């Protein structure tokens, strides 16, 4: 048995207890309608998870783009497409 605060839970329940969070949120009805229409989840919870995952992925891409903008990729002087193709074919 594990304790989290005053609540005691069985070991097999800890994984789902720790990896999920129940949330109450006040969200405007038009936004909820848009989320369910575009996300195509089975229910509102699944639709929200889909939308949040996509939003996080977009933010990560935006941060990567900003990083590449400030520090662009640089190829080695000995870079050759022919050499790279040969390396890839060996794999």
C-alpha atoms as a PDB file:
ATOM      1  CA  UNK A   1       0.000   0.000   0.000  1.00  0.00           C
ATOM      2  CA  UNK A   2       1.128   3.522  -0.829  1.00  0.00           C
ATOM      3  CA  UNK A   3       0.035   6.800   0.669  1.00  0.00           C
ATOM      4  CA  UNK A   4      -0.431  10.024  -1.217  1.00  0.00           C
ATOM      5  CA  UNK A   5      -1.397  12.663   1.287  1.00  0.00           C
ATOM      6  CA  UNK A   6      -4.118  11.124   3.440  1.00  0.00           C
ATOM      7  CA  UNK A   7      -5.226   8.711   0.712  1.00  0.00           C
ATOM      8  CA  UNK A   8      -3.936   5.117   0.765  1.00  0.00           C
ATOM      9  CA  UNK A   9      -3.944   3.238  -2.529  1.00  0.00           C
ATOM     10  CA  UNK A  10      -3.001  -0.276  -3.587  1.00  0.00           C
ATOM     11  CA  UNK A  11       0.235  -0.744  -5.621  1.00  0.00           C
ATOM     12  CA  UNK A  12      -1.656  -1.768  -8.778  1.00  0.00           C
ATOM     13  CA  UNK A  13      -3.638   1.486  -8.647  1.00  0.00           C
ATOM     14  CA  UNK A  14      -0.587   3.761  -8.422  1.00  0.00           C
ATOM     15  CA  UNK A  15       0.215   3.708 -12.127  1.00  0.00           C
ATOM     16  CA  UNK A  16      -3.196   4.957 -13.236  1.00  0.00           C
ATOM     17  CA  UNK A  17      -3.464   7.288 -10.257  1.00  0.00           C
ATOM     18  CA  UNK A  18      -0.171   9.031 -10.946  1.00  0.00           C
ATOM     19  CA  UNK A  19      -0.360   9.183 -14.756  1.00  0.00           C
ATOM     20  CA  UNK A  20      -3.837  10.679 -14.981  1.00  0.00           C
ATOM     21  CA  UNK A  21      -5.422  13.743 -13.519  1.00  0.00           C
ATOM     22  CA  UNK A  22      -9.101  14.492 -13.222  1.00  0.00           C
ATOM     23  CA  UNK A  23      -9.719  18.124 -14.124  1.00  0.00           C
ATOM     24  CA  UNK A  24     -12.681  20.424 -13.840  1.00  0.00           C
ATOM     25  CA  UNK A  25     -12.504  23.317 -16.282  1.00  0.00           C
ATOM     26  CA  UNK A  26     -14.840  26.041 -17.418  1.00  0.00           C
ATOM     27  CA  UNK A  27     -14.646  26.086 -21.216  1.00  0.00           C
ATOM     28  CA  UNK A  28     -16.977  28.012 -23.522  1.00  0.00           C
ATOM     29  CA  UNK A  29     -19.528  25.862 -25.379  1.00  0.00           C
ATOM     30  CA  UNK A  30     -18.510  27.057 -28.877  1.00  0.00           C
ATOM     31  CA  UNK A  31     -14.910  26.014 -28.183  1.00  0.00           C
ATOM     32  CA  UNK A  32     -16.031  22.578 -26.953  1.00  0.00           C
ATOM     33  CA  UNK A  33     -18.141  22.147 -30.100  1.00  0.00           C
ATOM     34  CA  UNK A  34     -15.142  23.016 -32.283  1.00  0.00           C
ATOM     35  CA  UNK A  35     -12.879  20.634 -30.371  1.00  0.00           C
ATOM     36  CA  UNK A  36     -15.271  17.707 -30.723  1.00  0.00           C
ATOM     37  CA  UNK A  37     -15.928  18.503 -34.389  1.00  0.00           C
ATOM     38  CA  UNK A  38     -12.258  18.695 -35.418  1.00  0.00           C
ATOM     39  CA  UNK A  39     -10.659  16.135 -33.087  1.00  0.00           C
ATOM     40  CA  UNK A  40     -13.057  13.264 -33.929  1.00  0.00           C
ATOM     41  CA  UNK A  41     -12.604  11.613 -30.538  1.00  0.00           C
ATOM     42  CA  UNK A  42     -15.062   9.035 -29.203  1.00  0.00           C
ATOM     43  CA  UNK A  43     -16.014  11.424 -26.407  1.00  0.00           C
ATOM     44  CA  UNK A  44     -15.094  14.844 -25.051  1.00  0.00           C
ATOM     45  CA  UNK A  45     -12.203  13.521 -22.946  1.00  0.00           C
ATOM     46  CA  UNK A  46     -10.580  11.757 -25.908  1.00  0.00           C
ATOM     47  CA  UNK A  47     -11.123  14.829 -28.090  1.00  0.00           C
ATOM     48  CA  UNK A  48      -9.442  17.060 -25.510  1.00  0.00           C
ATOM     49  CA  UNK A  49      -6.497  14.664 -25.218  1.00  0.00           C
ATOM     50  CA  UNK A  50      -6.085  14.647 -29.021  1.00  0.00           C
ATOM     51  CA  UNK A  51      -6.209  18.445 -29.192  1.00  0.00           C
ATOM     52  CA  UNK A  52      -3.783  18.918 -26.294  1.00  0.00           C
ATOM     53  CA  UNK A  53      -1.281  16.442 -27.765  1.00  0.00           C
ATOM     54  CA  UNK A  54      -1.406  18.231 -31.123  1.00  0.00           C
ATOM     55  CA  UNK A  55      -0.984  21.620 -29.429  1.00  0.00           C
ATOM     56  CA  UNK A  56       2.053  20.411 -27.487  1.00  0.00           C
ATOM     57  CA  UNK A  57       3.566  18.914 -30.664  1.00  0.00           C
ATOM     58  CA  UNK A  58       3.107  22.239 -32.485  1.00  0.00           C
ATOM     59  CA  UNK A  59       4.755  24.130 -29.619  1.00  0.00           C
ATOM     60  CA  UNK A  60       7.723  21.732 -29.715  1.00  0.00           C
ATOM     61  CA  UNK A  61       8.074  22.241 -33.477  1.00  0.00           C
ATOM     62  CA  UNK A  62       7.890  26.022 -33.003  1.00  0.00           C
ATOM     63  CA  UNK A  63      10.628  25.877 -30.348  1.00  0.00           C
ATOM     64  CA  UNK A  64      12.787  23.693 -32.618  1.00  0.00           C
ATOM     65  CA  UNK A  65      12.316  26.137 -35.506  1.00  0.00           C
ATOM     66  CA  UNK A  66      13.322  29.042 -33.275  1.00  0.00           C
ATOM     67  CA  UNK A  67      16.387  27.102 -32.139  1.00  0.00           C
ATOM     68  CA  UNK A  68      17.375  26.364 -35.750  1.00  0.00           C
ATOM     69  CA  UNK A  69      16.812  29.982 -36.686  1.00  0.00           C
ATOM     70  CA  UNK A  70      19.225  31.198 -34.028  1.00  0.00           C
ATOM     71  CA  UNK A  71      21.717  28.341 -34.596  1.00  0.00           C
ATOM     72  CA  UNK A  72      21.295  26.877 -38.121  1.00  0.00           C
ATOM     73  CA  UNK A  73      22.537  23.427 -39.033  1.00  0.00           C
ATOM     74  CA  UNK A  74      26.008  23.373 -40.520  1.00  0.00           C
ATOM     75  CA  UNK A  75      27.367  20.623 -42.707  1.00  0.00           C
ATOM     76  CA  UNK A  76      30.891  19.348 -42.328  1.00  0.00           C
ATOM     77  CA  UNK A  77      33.342  20.505 -44.971  1.00  0.00           C
ATOM     78  CA  UNK A  78      33.791  16.921 -46.167  1.00  0.00           C
ATOM     79  CA  UNK A  79      30.034  16.463 -46.603  1.00  0.00           C
ATOM     80  CA  UNK A  80      28.974  14.679 -49.753  1.00  0.00           C
ATOM     81  CA  UNK A  81      25.570  13.332 -50.729  1.00  0.00           C
ATOM     82  CA  UNK A  82      27.323  10.385 -52.367  1.00  0.00           C
ATOM     83  CA  UNK A  83      29.048   9.442 -49.077  1.00  0.00           C
ATOM     84  CA  UNK A  84      25.790   9.748 -47.118  1.00  0.00           C
ATOM     85  CA  UNK A  85      23.961   7.523 -49.605  1.00  0.00           C
ATOM     86  CA  UNK A  86      26.686   4.901 -49.248  1.00  0.00           C
ATOM     87  CA  UNK A  87      26.399   5.020 -45.452  1.00  0.00           C
ATOM     88  CA  UNK A  88      22.619   4.708 -45.595  1.00  0.00           C
ATOM     89  CA  UNK A  89      22.795   1.729 -47.955  1.00  0.00           C
ATOM     90  CA  UNK A  90      25.071  -0.134 -45.532  1.00  0.00           C
ATOM     91  CA  UNK A  91      22.410   0.030 -42.794  1.00  0.00           C
END
